[in-house]
Amino acid sequence: MINKSHFDTLRDIVKLYLPEDVSISDITEESNFISELNINSANLVDIILDVEDAYDIKLENEDMDQMQTVRDALRIVAQKLAEKQ
């Protein structure tokens, strides 16, 4: 079950980095950052930094490697937040 407010926060972060040919409405849980949303690797790093700031969490390299889709990102965020409890 995906946390809607986390999805909304992530979507708001990702939309800042979308190329002109991709609409915010294209962002779904299944969206692949690189192949579907056309996010380049430099912008993906920016997204990760923004996610860290938004949730006050630290993402490791292996987390970043696993973050292929929006759902992956939400799962990792939820994991990190649970570990902070």
PDB file of N, CA and C in Angstrom:
ATOM      1  N   MET A   1       0.849  -1.199   0.000  1.00  0.00           N
ATOM      2  CA  MET A   1       0.000   0.000   0.000  1.00  0.00           C
ATOM      3  C   MET A   1       0.884   1.250   0.000  1.00  0.00           C
ATOM      4  N   ILE A   2       0.691   2.094  -0.969  1.00  0.00           N
ATOM      5  CA  ILE A   2       1.507   3.297  -1.121  1.00  0.00           C
ATOM      6  C   ILE A   2       0.888   4.447  -0.324  1.00  0.00           C
ATOM      7  N   ASN A   3       1.746   5.150   0.394  1.00  0.00           N
ATOM      8  CA  ASN A   3       1.325   6.321   1.154  1.00  0.00           C
ATOM      9  C   ASN A   3       1.095   7.472   0.165  1.00  0.00           C
ATOM     10  N   LYS A   4      -0.153   7.936   0.084  1.00  0.00           N
ATOM     11  CA  LYS A   4      -0.511   8.966  -0.902  1.00  0.00           C
ATOM     12  C   LYS A   4       0.264  10.262  -0.689  1.00  0.00           C
ATOM     13  N   SER A   5       0.465  10.671   0.550  1.00  0.00           N
ATOM     14  CA  SER A   5       1.192  11.923   0.763  1.00  0.00           C
ATOM     15  C   SER A   5       2.656  11.779   0.350  1.00  0.00           C
ATOM     16  N   HIS A   6       3.237  10.581   0.530  1.00  0.00           N
ATOM     17  CA  HIS A   6       4.606  10.361   0.073  1.00  0.00           C
ATOM     18  C   HIS A   6       4.663  10.394  -1.451  1.00  0.00           C
ATOM     19  N   PHE A   7       3.662   9.799  -2.091  1.00  0.00           N
ATOM     20  CA  PHE A   7       3.600   9.833  -3.564  1.00  0.00           C
ATOM     21  C   PHE A   7       3.512  11.283  -4.042  1.00  0.00           C
ATOM     22  N   ASP A   8       2.642  12.071  -3.410  1.00  0.00           N
ATOM     23  CA  ASP A   8       2.467  13.473  -3.808  1.00  0.00           C
ATOM     24  C   ASP A   8       3.766  14.258  -3.629  1.00  0.00           C
ATOM     25  N   THR A   9       4.453  14.029  -2.509  1.00  0.00           N
ATOM     26  CA  THR A   9       5.724  14.710  -2.252  1.00  0.00           C
ATOM     27  C   THR A   9       6.759  14.324  -3.301  1.00  0.00           C
ATOM     28  N   LEU A  10       6.864  13.028  -3.568  1.00  0.00           N
ATOM     29  CA  LEU A  10       7.828  12.554  -4.564  1.00  0.00           C
ATOM     30  C   LEU A  10       7.494  13.100  -5.946  1.00  0.00           C
ATOM     31  N   ARG A  11       6.215  13.101  -6.302  1.00  0.00           N
ATOM     32  CA  ARG A  11       5.796  13.636  -7.604  1.00  0.00           C
ATOM     33  C   ARG A  11       6.176  15.116  -7.710  1.00  0.00           C
ATOM     34  N   ASP A  12       5.978  15.870  -6.629  1.00  0.00           N
ATOM     35  CA  ASP A  12       6.323  17.291  -6.649  1.00  0.00           C
ATOM     36  C   ASP A  12       7.825  17.512  -6.820  1.00  0.00           C
ATOM     37  N   ILE A  13       8.629  16.606  -6.261  1.00  0.00           N
ATOM     38  CA  ILE A  13      10.081  16.687  -6.444  1.00  0.00           C
ATOM     39  C   ILE A  13      10.439  16.334  -7.884  1.00  0.00           C
ATOM     40  N   VAL A  14       9.919  15.220  -8.365  1.00  0.00           N
ATOM     41  CA  VAL A  14      10.275  14.723  -9.702  1.00  0.00           C
ATOM     42  C   VAL A  14       9.853  15.720 -10.787  1.00  0.00           C
ATOM     43  N   LYS A  15       8.717  16.374 -10.625  1.00  0.00           N
ATOM     44  CA  LYS A  15       8.228  17.263 -11.689  1.00  0.00           C
ATOM     45  C   LYS A  15       9.198  18.398 -11.990  1.00  0.00           C
ATOM     46  N   LEU A  16      10.017  18.779 -11.019  1.00  0.00           N
ATOM     47  CA  LEU A  16      10.997  19.840 -11.234  1.00  0.00           C
ATOM     48  C   LEU A  16      12.065  19.437 -12.241  1.00  0.00           C
ATOM     49  N   TYR A  17      12.247  18.138 -12.419  1.00  0.00           N
ATOM     50  CA  TYR A  17      13.330  17.626 -13.266  1.00  0.00           C
ATOM     51  C   TYR A  17      12.838  16.975 -14.561  1.00  0.00           C
ATOM     52  N   LEU A  18      11.539  17.017 -14.787  1.00  0.00           N
ATOM     53  CA  LEU A  18      11.008  16.397 -16.001  1.00  0.00           C
ATOM     54  C   LEU A  18      11.413  17.194 -17.233  1.00  0.00           C
ATOM     55  N   PRO A  19      11.789  16.503 -18.303  1.00  0.00           N
ATOM     56  CA  PRO A  19      12.033  17.224 -19.563  1.00  0.00           C
ATOM     57  C   PRO A  19      10.708  17.745 -20.115  1.00  0.00           C
ATOM     58  N   GLU A  20      10.786  18.660 -21.051  1.00  0.00           N
ATOM     59  CA  GLU A  20       9.581  19.305 -21.577  1.00  0.00           C
ATOM     60  C   GLU A  20       8.593  18.338 -22.221  1.00  0.00           C
ATOM     61  N   ASP A  21       9.094  17.209 -22.730  1.00  0.00           N
ATOM     62  CA  ASP A  21       8.205  16.274 -23.429  1.00  0.00           C
ATOM     63  C   ASP A  21       7.494  15.299 -22.496  1.00  0.00           C
ATOM     64  N   VAL A  22       7.680  15.459 -21.188  1.00  0.00           N
ATOM     65  CA  VAL A  22       7.025  14.572 -20.218  1.00  0.00           C
ATOM     66  C   VAL A  22       6.165  15.428 -19.299  1.00  0.00           C
ATOM     67  N   SER A  23       4.920  14.995 -19.103  1.00  0.00           N
ATOM     68  CA  SER A  23       3.972  15.741 -18.269  1.00  0.00           C
ATOM     69  C   SER A  23       3.946  15.175 -16.857  1.00  0.00           C
ATOM     70  N   ILE A  24       3.585  16.010 -15.898  1.00  0.00           N
ATOM     71  CA  ILE A  24       3.460  15.546 -14.516  1.00  0.00           C
ATOM     72  C   ILE A  24       2.417  14.427 -14.429  1.00  0.00           C
ATOM     73  N   SER A  25       1.431  14.446 -15.316  1.00  0.00           N
ATOM     74  CA  SER A  25       0.402  13.390 -15.292  1.00  0.00           C
ATOM     75  C   SER A  25       0.968  12.043 -15.733  1.00  0.00           C
ATOM     76  N   ASP A  26       2.174  12.042 -16.318  1.00  0.00           N
ATOM     77  CA  ASP A  26       2.826  10.789 -16.711  1.00  0.00           C
ATOM     78  C   ASP A  26       3.451  10.062 -15.518  1.00  0.00           C
ATOM     79  N   ILE A  27       3.553  10.736 -14.380  1.00  0.00           N
ATOM     80  CA  ILE A  27       4.194  10.133 -13.213  1.00  0.00           C
ATOM     81  C   ILE A  27       3.194   9.222 -12.503  1.00  0.00           C
ATOM     82  N   THR A  28       3.479   7.923 -12.544  1.00  0.00           N
ATOM     83  CA  THR A  28       2.667   6.941 -11.816  1.00  0.00           C
ATOM     84  C   THR A  28       3.601   6.114 -10.940  1.00  0.00           C
ATOM     85  N   GLU A  29       3.020   5.242 -10.115  1.00  0.00           N
ATOM     86  CA  GLU A  29       3.850   4.380  -9.263  1.00  0.00           C
ATOM     87  C   GLU A  29       4.765   3.500 -10.099  1.00  0.00           C
ATOM     88  N   GLU A  30       4.305   3.116 -11.282  1.00  0.00           N
ATOM     89  CA  GLU A  30       5.070   2.193 -12.120  1.00  0.00           C
ATOM     90  C   GLU A  30       6.117   2.897 -12.975  1.00  0.00           C
ATOM     91  N   SER A  31       6.097   4.226 -13.025  1.00  0.00           N
ATOM     92  CA  SER A  31       7.000   4.964 -13.908  1.00  0.00           C
ATOM     93  C   SER A  31       8.460   4.672 -13.601  1.00  0.00           C
ATOM     94  N   ASN A  32       9.208   4.340 -14.654  1.00  0.00           N
ATOM     95  CA  ASN A  32      10.653   4.188 -14.540  1.00  0.00           C
ATOM     96  C   ASN A  32      11.256   5.569 -14.744  1.00  0.00           C
ATOM     97  N   PHE A  33      12.106   5.991 -13.812  1.00  0.00           N
ATOM     98  CA  PHE A  33      12.668   7.348 -13.871  1.00  0.00           C
ATOM     99  C   PHE A  33      13.397   7.620 -15.186  1.00  0.00           C
ATOM    100  N   ILE A  34      14.213   6.672 -15.622  1.00  0.00           N
ATOM    101  CA  ILE A  34      15.056   6.913 -16.789  1.00  0.00           C
ATOM    102  C   ILE A  34      14.346   6.602 -18.097  1.00  0.00           C
ATOM    103  N   SER A  35      13.770   5.410 -18.215  1.00  0.00           N
ATOM    104  CA  SER A  35      13.217   5.013 -19.514  1.00  0.00           C
ATOM    105  C   SER A  35      11.852   5.621 -19.814  1.00  0.00           C
ATOM    106  N   GLU A  36      11.041   5.906 -18.797  1.00  0.00           N
ATOM    107  CA  GLU A  36       9.702   6.447 -19.052  1.00  0.00           C
ATOM    108  C   GLU A  36       9.587   7.946 -18.791  1.00  0.00           C
ATOM    109  N   LEU A  37      10.260   8.426 -17.754  1.00  0.00           N
ATOM    110  CA  LEU A  37      10.160   9.854 -17.422  1.00  0.00           C
ATOM    111  C   LEU A  37      11.312  10.662 -18.019  1.00  0.00           C
ATOM    112  N   ASN A  38      12.238   9.953 -18.682  1.00  0.00           N
ATOM    113  CA  ASN A  38      13.380  10.610 -19.339  1.00  0.00           C
ATOM    114  C   ASN A  38      14.215  11.471 -18.392  1.00  0.00           C
ATOM    115  N   ILE A  39      14.352  11.012 -17.153  1.00  0.00           N
ATOM    116  CA  ILE A  39      15.196  11.698 -16.173  1.00  0.00           C
ATOM    117  C   ILE A  39      16.632  11.236 -16.418  1.00  0.00           C
ATOM    118  N   ASN A  40      17.549  12.168 -16.602  1.00  0.00           N
ATOM    119  CA  ASN A  40      18.939  11.747 -16.806  1.00  0.00           C
ATOM    120  C   ASN A  40      19.600  11.458 -15.462  1.00  0.00           C
ATOM    121  N   SER A  41      20.759  10.847 -15.495  1.00  0.00           N
ATOM    122  CA  SER A  41      21.384  10.393 -14.251  1.00  0.00           C
ATOM    123  C   SER A  41      21.755  11.554 -13.329  1.00  0.00           C
ATOM    124  N   ALA A  42      22.141  12.689 -13.893  1.00  0.00           N
ATOM    125  CA  ALA A  42      22.464  13.850 -13.057  1.00  0.00           C
ATOM    126  C   ALA A  42      21.218  14.342 -12.322  1.00  0.00           C
ATOM    127  N   ASN A  43      20.094  14.401 -13.031  1.00  0.00           N
ATOM    128  CA  ASN A  43      18.853  14.830 -12.386  1.00  0.00           C
ATOM    129  C   ASN A  43      18.365  13.803 -11.384  1.00  0.00           C
ATOM    130  N   LEU A  44      18.644  12.526 -11.641  1.00  0.00           N
ATOM    131  CA  LEU A  44      18.255  11.496 -10.680  1.00  0.00           C
ATOM    132  C   LEU A  44      18.989  11.705  -9.361  1.00  0.00           C
ATOM    133  N   VAL A  45      20.240  12.100  -9.430  1.00  0.00           N
ATOM    134  CA  VAL A  45      20.996  12.414  -8.213  1.00  0.00           C
ATOM    135  C   VAL A  45      20.348  13.604  -7.500  1.00  0.00           C
ATOM    136  N   ASP A  46      19.946  14.621  -8.257  1.00  0.00           N
ATOM    137  CA  ASP A  46      19.264  15.777  -7.655  1.00  0.00           C
ATOM    138  C   ASP A  46      17.967  15.362  -6.973  1.00  0.00           C
ATOM    139  N   ILE A  47      17.224  14.475  -7.616  1.00  0.00           N
ATOM    140  CA  ILE A  47      15.973  13.976  -7.019  1.00  0.00           C
ATOM    141  C   ILE A  47      16.271  13.274  -5.709  1.00  0.00           C
ATOM    142  N   ILE A  48      17.302  12.440  -5.704  1.00  0.00           N
ATOM    143  CA  ILE A  48      17.667  11.711  -4.484  1.00  0.00           C
ATOM    144  C   ILE A  48      18.041  12.684  -3.370  1.00  0.00           C
ATOM    145  N   LEU A  49      18.809  13.720  -3.698  1.00  0.00           N
ATOM    146  CA  LEU A  49      19.177  14.722  -2.687  1.00  0.00           C
ATOM    147  C   LEU A  49      17.941  15.435  -2.160  1.00  0.00           C
ATOM    148  N   ASP A  50      17.015  15.771  -3.046  1.00  0.00           N
ATOM    149  CA  ASP A  50      15.774  16.435  -2.619  1.00  0.00           C
ATOM    150  C   ASP A  50      14.929  15.520  -1.742  1.00  0.00           C
ATOM    151  N   VAL A  51      14.895  14.231  -2.067  1.00  0.00           N
ATOM    152  CA  VAL A  51      14.149  13.263  -1.250  1.00  0.00           C
ATOM    153  C   VAL A  51      14.779  13.165   0.139  1.00  0.00           C
ATOM    154  N   GLU A  52      16.099  13.135   0.190  1.00  0.00           N
ATOM    155  CA  GLU A  52      16.781  13.094   1.488  1.00  0.00           C
ATOM    156  C   GLU A  52      16.397  14.308   2.329  1.00  0.00           C
ATOM    157  N   ASP A  53      16.399  15.483   1.711  1.00  0.00           N
ATOM    158  CA  ASP A  53      16.034  16.713   2.426  1.00  0.00           C
ATOM    159  C   ASP A  53      14.572  16.694   2.856  1.00  0.00           C
ATOM    160  N   ALA A  54      13.697  16.273   1.955  1.00  0.00           N
ATOM    161  CA  ALA A  54      12.258  16.297   2.236  1.00  0.00           C
ATOM    162  C   ALA A  54      11.897  15.387   3.412  1.00  0.00           C
ATOM    163  N   TYR A  55      12.585  14.253   3.520  1.00  0.00           N
ATOM    164  CA  TYR A  55      12.228  13.264   4.542  1.00  0.00           C
ATOM    165  C   TYR A  55      13.247  13.169   5.660  1.00  0.00           C
ATOM    166  N   ASP A  56      14.324  13.971   5.583  1.00  0.00           N
ATOM    167  CA  ASP A  56      15.391  13.928   6.582  1.00  0.00           C
ATOM    168  C   ASP A  56      15.910  12.504   6.756  1.00  0.00           C
ATOM    169  N   ILE A  57      16.251  11.889   5.617  1.00  0.00           N
ATOM    170  CA  ILE A  57      16.805  10.534   5.611  1.00  0.00           C
ATOM    171  C   ILE A  57      18.101  10.553   4.807  1.00  0.00           C
ATOM    172  N   LYS A  58      18.878   9.487   4.931  1.00  0.00           N
ATOM    173  CA  LYS A  58      20.120   9.329   4.171  1.00  0.00           C
ATOM    174  C   LYS A  58      19.978   8.108   3.285  1.00  0.00           C
ATOM    175  N   LEU A  59      20.153   8.304   1.988  1.00  0.00           N
ATOM    176  CA  LEU A  59      20.074   7.197   1.039  1.00  0.00           C
ATOM    177  C   LEU A  59      21.486   6.750   0.672  1.00  0.00           C
ATOM    178  N   GLU A  60      21.722   5.457   0.765  1.00  0.00           N
ATOM    179  CA  GLU A  60      23.024   4.887   0.450  1.00  0.00           C
ATOM    180  C   GLU A  60      23.099   4.564  -1.044  1.00  0.00           C
ATOM    181  N   ASN A  61      24.300   4.260  -1.530  1.00  0.00           N
ATOM    182  CA  ASN A  61      24.473   3.927  -2.943  1.00  0.00           C
ATOM    183  C   ASN A  61      23.603   2.750  -3.365  1.00  0.00           C
ATOM    184  N   GLU A  62      23.497   1.732  -2.498  1.00  0.00           N
ATOM    185  CA  GLU A  62      22.671   0.582  -2.877  1.00  0.00           C
ATOM    186  C   GLU A  62      21.188   0.952  -2.965  1.00  0.00           C
ATOM    187  N   ASP A  63      20.750   1.922  -2.142  1.00  0.00           N
ATOM    188  CA  ASP A  63      19.370   2.407  -2.252  1.00  0.00           C
ATOM    189  C   ASP A  63      19.164   3.059  -3.621  1.00  0.00           C
ATOM    190  N   MET A  64      20.128   3.861  -4.016  1.00  0.00           N
ATOM    191  CA  MET A  64      20.030   4.561  -5.293  1.00  0.00           C
ATOM    192  C   MET A  64      20.011   3.565  -6.453  1.00  0.00           C
ATOM    193  N   ASP A  65      20.820   2.515  -6.345  1.00  0.00           N
ATOM    194  CA  ASP A  65      20.855   1.496  -7.394  1.00  0.00           C
ATOM    195  C   ASP A  65      19.511   0.793  -7.533  1.00  0.00           C
ATOM    196  N   GLN A  66      18.792   0.650  -6.430  1.00  0.00           N
ATOM    197  CA  GLN A  66      17.491  -0.036  -6.441  1.00  0.00           C
ATOM    198  C   GLN A  66      16.356   0.879  -6.876  1.00  0.00           C
ATOM    199  N   MET A  67      16.608   2.162  -6.955  1.00  0.00           N
ATOM    200  CA  MET A  67      15.552   3.139  -7.214  1.00  0.00           C
ATOM    201  C   MET A  67      15.334   3.320  -8.712  1.00  0.00           C
ATOM    202  N   GLN A  68      14.667   2.346  -9.331  1.00  0.00           N
ATOM    203  CA  GLN A  68      14.409   2.387 -10.769  1.00  0.00           C
ATOM    204  C   GLN A  68      13.065   3.042 -11.090  1.00  0.00           C
ATOM    205  N   THR A  69      12.072   2.778 -10.245  1.00  0.00           N
ATOM    206  CA  THR A  69      10.719   3.286 -10.488  1.00  0.00           C
ATOM    207  C   THR A  69      10.261   4.149  -9.316  1.00  0.00           C
ATOM    208  N   VAL A  70       9.161   4.849  -9.530  1.00  0.00           N
ATOM    209  CA  VAL A  70       8.569   5.656  -8.463  1.00  0.00           C
ATOM    210  C   VAL A  70       8.216   4.754  -7.281  1.00  0.00           C
ATOM    211  N   ARG A  71       7.665   3.566  -7.562  1.00  0.00           N
ATOM    212  CA  ARG A  71       7.308   2.639  -6.483  1.00  0.00           C
ATOM    213  C   ARG A  71       8.542   2.228  -5.677  1.00  0.00           C
ATOM    214  N   ASP A  72       9.654   1.968  -6.370  1.00  0.00           N
ATOM    215  CA  ASP A  72      10.906   1.637  -5.674  1.00  0.00           C
ATOM    216  C   ASP A  72      11.292   2.767  -4.718  1.00  0.00           C
ATOM    217  N   ALA A  73      11.210   3.988  -5.210  1.00  0.00           N
ATOM    218  CA  ALA A  73      11.585   5.145  -4.391  1.00  0.00           C
ATOM    219  C   ALA A  73      10.691   5.249  -3.163  1.00  0.00           C
ATOM    220  N   LEU A  74       9.393   5.048  -3.343  1.00  0.00           N
ATOM    221  CA  LEU A  74       8.456   5.127  -2.221  1.00  0.00           C
ATOM    222  C   LEU A  74       8.717   4.024  -1.207  1.00  0.00           C
ATOM    223  N   ARG A  75       9.050   2.834  -1.696  1.00  0.00           N
ATOM    224  CA  ARG A  75       9.347   1.711  -0.798  1.00  0.00           C
ATOM    225  C   ARG A  75      10.600   2.016   0.025  1.00  0.00           C
ATOM    226  N   ILE A  76      11.622   2.541  -0.623  1.00  0.00           N
ATOM    227  CA  ILE A  76      12.866   2.860   0.073  1.00  0.00           C
ATOM    228  C   ILE A  76      12.656   3.978   1.089  1.00  0.00           C
ATOM    229  N   VAL A  77      11.895   5.008   0.721  1.00  0.00           N
ATOM    230  CA  VAL A  77      11.578   6.083   1.660  1.00  0.00           C
ATOM    231  C   VAL A  77      10.855   5.527   2.883  1.00  0.00           C
ATOM    232  N   ALA A  78       9.856   4.670   2.654  1.00  0.00           N
ATOM    233  CA  ALA A  78       9.098   4.088   3.765  1.00  0.00           C
ATOM    234  C   ALA A  78      10.024   3.267   4.668  1.00  0.00           C
ATOM    235  N   GLN A  79      10.942   2.513   4.050  1.00  0.00           N
ATOM    236  CA  GLN A  79      11.908   1.714   4.813  1.00  0.00           C
ATOM    237  C   GLN A  79      12.777   2.591   5.682  1.00  0.00           C
ATOM    238  N   LYS A  80      13.318   3.650   5.105  1.00  0.00           N
ATOM    239  CA  LYS A  80      14.201   4.563   5.830  1.00  0.00           C
ATOM    240  C   LYS A  80      13.468   5.264   6.977  1.00  0.00           C
ATOM    241  N   LEU A  81      12.227   5.651   6.717  1.00  0.00           N
ATOM    242  CA  LEU A  81      11.444   6.315   7.764  1.00  0.00           C
ATOM    243  C   LEU A  81      11.137   5.343   8.900  1.00  0.00           C
ATOM    244  N   ALA A  82      10.865   4.097   8.562  1.00  0.00           N
ATOM    245  CA  ALA A  82      10.593   3.075   9.587  1.00  0.00           C
ATOM    246  C   ALA A  82      11.841   2.829  10.427  1.00  0.00           C
ATOM    247  N   GLU A  83      13.011   2.834   9.789  1.00  0.00           N
ATOM    248  CA  GLU A  83      14.262   2.622  10.517  1.00  0.00           C
ATOM    249  C   GLU A  83      14.552   3.779  11.479  1.00  0.00           C
ATOM    250  N   LYS A  84      14.044   4.958  11.177  1.00  0.00           N
ATOM    251  CA  LYS A  84      14.269   6.133  12.041  1.00  0.00           C
ATOM    252  C   LYS A  84      13.432   6.085  13.309  1.00  0.00           C
ATOM    253  N   GLN A  85      12.357   5.300  13.283  1.00  0.00           N
ATOM    254  CA  GLN A  85      11.424   5.276  14.431  1.00  0.00           C
ATOM    255  C   GLN A  85      12.108   4.787  15.688  1.00  0.00           C
TER     256      GLN A  85
END
